[in-house]
């Protein structure tokens, strides 16, 4: 939803680092979520 604050979460990246949403506080950030084929969920 546009204009709503996202809950804090963290994800592991492909390079083995873990990034949290709070790491980007105060900066512009675009998040794109998409469903990959052949995956559950």
N, C-alpha and C. Protein backbone atom coordinates (compact mmCIF):
# COMPACT_ATOMS: atom_id res chain seq x y z
N UNK A 1 0.83 -1.19 0.00
CA UNK A 1 0.00 0.00 0.00
C UNK A 1 0.87 1.24 0.00
N UNK A 2 0.56 2.14 -0.83
CA UNK A 2 1.30 3.39 -0.89
C UNK A 2 0.99 4.24 0.33
N UNK A 3 2.02 4.82 0.92
CA UNK A 3 1.84 5.71 2.05
C UNK A 3 1.82 5.04 3.41
N UNK A 4 1.89 3.73 3.46
CA UNK A 4 1.90 3.01 4.73
C UNK A 4 3.33 2.64 5.09
N UNK A 5 3.65 2.70 6.37
CA UNK A 5 4.99 2.35 6.83
C UNK A 5 5.14 0.83 6.84
N UNK A 6 6.21 0.33 6.26
CA UNK A 6 6.48 -1.10 6.21
C UNK A 6 7.06 -1.57 7.55
N UNK A 7 6.71 -2.76 7.98
CA UNK A 7 7.33 -3.31 9.19
C UNK A 7 8.80 -3.63 8.91
N UNK A 8 9.64 -3.55 9.92
CA UNK A 8 11.05 -3.86 9.74
C UNK A 8 11.21 -5.35 9.45
N UNK A 9 12.08 -5.68 8.53
CA UNK A 9 12.39 -7.07 8.22
C UNK A 9 13.81 -7.12 7.70
N UNK A 10 14.38 -8.32 7.66
CA UNK A 10 15.72 -8.48 7.12
C UNK A 10 15.73 -9.68 6.19
N UNK A 11 16.60 -9.62 5.20
CA UNK A 11 16.73 -10.68 4.20
C UNK A 11 18.20 -10.90 3.89
N UNK A 12 18.54 -12.14 3.58
CA UNK A 12 19.89 -12.46 3.14
C UNK A 12 19.99 -12.19 1.65
N UNK A 13 21.11 -11.63 1.24
CA UNK A 13 21.32 -11.34 -0.17
C UNK A 13 22.11 -12.48 -0.81
N UNK A 14 22.26 -12.39 -2.10
CA UNK A 14 23.00 -13.41 -2.83
C UNK A 14 24.48 -13.42 -2.50
N UNK A 15 25.00 -12.32 -1.95
CA UNK A 15 26.42 -12.26 -1.61
C UNK A 15 26.69 -12.67 -0.16
N UNK A 16 25.66 -13.20 0.52
CA UNK A 16 25.83 -13.70 1.88
C UNK A 16 25.64 -12.69 2.98
N UNK A 17 25.40 -11.43 2.63
CA UNK A 17 25.16 -10.40 3.63
C UNK A 17 23.68 -10.35 3.97
N UNK A 18 23.37 -9.88 5.17
CA UNK A 18 21.99 -9.70 5.58
C UNK A 18 21.71 -8.21 5.65
N UNK A 19 20.63 -7.81 5.01
CA UNK A 19 20.21 -6.42 4.99
C UNK A 19 18.87 -6.29 5.67
N UNK A 20 18.72 -5.24 6.48
CA UNK A 20 17.47 -4.97 7.16
C UNK A 20 16.88 -3.67 6.61
N UNK A 21 15.58 -3.58 6.62
CA UNK A 21 14.93 -2.37 6.14
C UNK A 21 15.41 -1.15 6.91
N UNK A 22 15.64 -1.31 8.21
CA UNK A 22 16.07 -0.17 9.02
C UNK A 22 17.46 0.34 8.62
N UNK A 23 18.24 -0.48 7.90
CA UNK A 23 19.56 -0.04 7.41
C UNK A 23 19.43 1.10 6.40
N UNK A 24 18.27 1.26 5.81
CA UNK A 24 18.05 2.25 4.76
C UNK A 24 17.19 3.42 5.25
N UNK A 25 17.03 3.54 6.55
CA UNK A 25 16.20 4.61 7.12
C UNK A 25 16.72 5.97 6.70
N UNK A 26 15.79 6.83 6.27
CA UNK A 26 16.15 8.18 5.85
C UNK A 26 16.59 8.28 4.40
N UNK A 27 16.62 7.14 3.70
CA UNK A 27 17.02 7.13 2.29
C UNK A 27 15.84 6.65 1.45
N UNK A 28 15.81 7.05 0.20
CA UNK A 28 14.78 6.57 -0.70
C UNK A 28 15.08 5.12 -1.06
N UNK A 29 14.05 4.30 -1.05
CA UNK A 29 14.24 2.88 -1.32
C UNK A 29 13.02 2.36 -2.07
N UNK A 30 13.26 1.61 -3.12
CA UNK A 30 12.18 0.98 -3.88
C UNK A 30 12.28 -0.52 -3.66
N UNK A 31 11.21 -1.13 -3.19
CA UNK A 31 11.16 -2.57 -2.99
C UNK A 31 10.25 -3.18 -4.05
N UNK A 32 10.73 -4.23 -4.68
CA UNK A 32 9.93 -4.92 -5.70
C UNK A 32 9.80 -6.37 -5.26
N UNK A 33 8.58 -6.81 -5.09
CA UNK A 33 8.31 -8.19 -4.71
C UNK A 33 7.63 -8.87 -5.89
N UNK A 34 8.11 -10.03 -6.25
CA UNK A 34 7.49 -10.75 -7.35
C UNK A 34 7.55 -12.24 -7.07
N UNK A 35 6.65 -12.94 -7.68
CA UNK A 35 6.58 -14.40 -7.52
C UNK A 35 7.43 -15.05 -8.60
N UNK A 36 8.29 -15.95 -8.21
CA UNK A 36 9.10 -16.66 -9.19
C UNK A 36 8.38 -17.94 -9.60
N UNK A 37 8.50 -18.31 -10.85
CA UNK A 37 7.90 -19.55 -11.34
C UNK A 37 8.54 -20.75 -10.67
N UNK A 38 7.78 -21.80 -10.51
CA UNK A 38 8.25 -23.06 -9.96
C UNK A 38 8.73 -22.97 -8.53
N UNK A 39 8.15 -22.09 -7.75
CA UNK A 39 8.45 -22.00 -6.32
C UNK A 39 7.15 -22.11 -5.55
N UNK A 40 7.16 -22.71 -4.37
CA UNK A 40 5.93 -22.79 -3.57
C UNK A 40 5.57 -21.42 -3.01
N UNK A 41 4.31 -21.17 -2.84
CA UNK A 41 3.85 -19.95 -2.20
C UNK A 41 3.42 -18.87 -3.07
